[in-house]
C-alpha atoms as a PDB file:
ATOM      1  CA  MET A   1     123.665-117.031  67.927  1.00  0.00           C
ATOM      2  CA  ALA A   2     123.358-117.695  71.656  1.00  0.00           C
ATOM      3  CA  PHE A   3     125.886-119.148  74.059  1.00  0.00           C
ATOM      4  CA  PHE A   4     125.364-122.423  75.919  1.00  0.00           C
ATOM      5  CA  ILE A   5     127.003-123.790  79.063  1.00  0.00           C
ATOM      6  CA  GLY A   6     128.698-127.154  78.717  1.00  0.00           C
ATOM      7  CA  ASP A   7     129.066-130.029  81.140  1.00  0.00           C
ATOM      8  CA  ASP A   8     132.354-128.600  82.435  1.00  0.00           C
ATOM      9  CA  CYS A   9     130.327-126.098  84.500  1.00  0.00           C
ATOM     10  CA  ILE A  10     131.267-126.180  88.190  1.00  0.00           C
ATOM     11  CA  ALA A  11     128.192-124.147  89.237  1.00  0.00           C
ATOM     12  CA  CYS A  12     130.256-121.306  90.696  1.00  0.00           C
ATOM     13  CA  GLY A  13     127.696-118.700  89.593  1.00  0.00           C
ATOM     14  CA  LEU A  14     130.160-116.108  88.285  1.00  0.00           C
ATOM     15  CA  CYS A  15     128.497-116.064  84.871  1.00  0.00           C
ATOM     16  CA  GLU A  16     125.010-115.332  86.192  1.00  0.00           C
ATOM     17  CA  SER A  17     125.939-111.954  87.664  1.00  0.00           C
ATOM     18  CA  GLU A  18     127.827-110.921  84.502  1.00  0.00           C
ATOM     19  CA  CYS A  19     124.920-111.479  82.095  1.00  0.00           C
ATOM     20  CA  PRO A  20     123.362-108.125  81.104  1.00  0.00           C
ATOM     21  CA  GLU A  21     120.256-109.876  79.738  1.00  0.00           C
ATOM     22  CA  GLU A  22     119.648-112.015  82.857  1.00  0.00           C
ATOM     23  CA  ALA A  23     119.617-115.048  80.542  1.00  0.00           C
ATOM     24  CA  ILE A  24     121.572-117.315  82.914  1.00  0.00           C
ATOM     25  CA  SER A  25     120.017-119.261  85.756  1.00  0.00           C
ATOM     26  CA  GLU A  26     120.927-122.144  88.001  1.00  0.00           C
ATOM     27  CA  GLY A  27     119.860-125.464  86.543  1.00  0.00           C
ATOM     28  CA  ASP A  28     120.164-129.015  87.779  1.00  0.00           C
ATOM     29  CA  GLY A  29     123.795-129.082  88.890  1.00  0.00           C
ATOM     30  CA  ILE A  30     125.001-126.584  86.260  1.00  0.00           C
ATOM     31  CA  TYR A  31     123.969-123.149  85.055  1.00  0.00           C
ATOM     32  CA  VAL A  32     121.888-122.768  81.896  1.00  0.00           C
ATOM     33  CA  ILE A  33     121.424-119.992  79.340  1.00  0.00           C
ATOM     34  CA  ASP A  34     118.041-119.071  77.884  1.00  0.00           C
ATOM     35  CA  ALA A  35     118.856-118.815  74.168  1.00  0.00           C
ATOM     36  CA  ASP A  36     115.905-116.492  73.581  1.00  0.00           C
ATOM     37  CA  LEU A  37     117.367-113.920  75.983  1.00  0.00           C
ATOM     38  CA  CYS A  38     121.081-114.346  75.215  1.00  0.00           C
ATOM     39  CA  SER A  39     122.560-111.419  73.257  1.00  0.00           C
ATOM     40  CA  ASP A  40     125.814-113.277  72.453  1.00  0.00           C
ATOM     41  CA  CYS A  41     127.948-110.734  74.340  1.00  0.00           C
ATOM     42  CA  GLY A  42     130.382-113.317  75.730  1.00  0.00           C
ATOM     43  CA  ASN A  43     130.548-111.865  79.246  1.00  0.00           C
ATOM     44  CA  CYS A  44     129.822-115.306  80.687  1.00  0.00           C
ATOM     45  CA  ALA A  45     132.736-116.868  78.821  1.00  0.00           C
ATOM     46  CA  ASP A  46     135.063-114.055  79.918  1.00  0.00           C
ATOM     47  CA  VAL A  47     134.560-114.750  83.645  1.00  0.00           C
ATOM     48  CA  CYS A  48     134.208-118.542  83.641  1.00  0.00           C
ATOM     49  CA  PRO A  49     137.174-120.264  85.339  1.00  0.00           C
ATOM     50  CA  VAL A  50     136.609-123.542  83.436  1.00  0.00           C
ATOM     51  CA  GLU A  51     135.581-122.130  80.038  1.00  0.00           C
ATOM     52  CA  ALA A  52     132.154-123.827  80.173  1.00  0.00           C
ATOM     53  CA  PRO A  53     130.194-121.204  78.153  1.00  0.00           C
ATOM     54  CA  ALA A  54     130.688-121.403  74.401  1.00  0.00           C
ATOM     55  CA  PRO A  55     128.900-120.114  71.303  1.00  0.00           C
ATOM     56  CA  ALA A  56     126.149-122.457  70.172  1.00  0.00           C
ATOM     57  CA  GLU A  57     126.700-124.081  66.815  1.00  0.00           C
ATOM     58  CA  GLU A  58     124.141-123.317  64.146  1.00  0.00           C
END
C-alpha cells in the first residue's frame, strides 16, 4: 500500500528529500507520490509539518 499526499500539503519539500525510493516530486502546487515507487516506509509522514502524507486506502 502506497502513501498519498493530501490537499493539506504546503509544498515545503521536506518529504521529497526523506523518500528513499525517490517517489515524491513537486506537482501542481503540492507534492505527489508515485504509488509504483512508494515502499510505504512512512518517512514522508514523519517529517511533514502538516501531516499531509497518509496511507492510501485500498
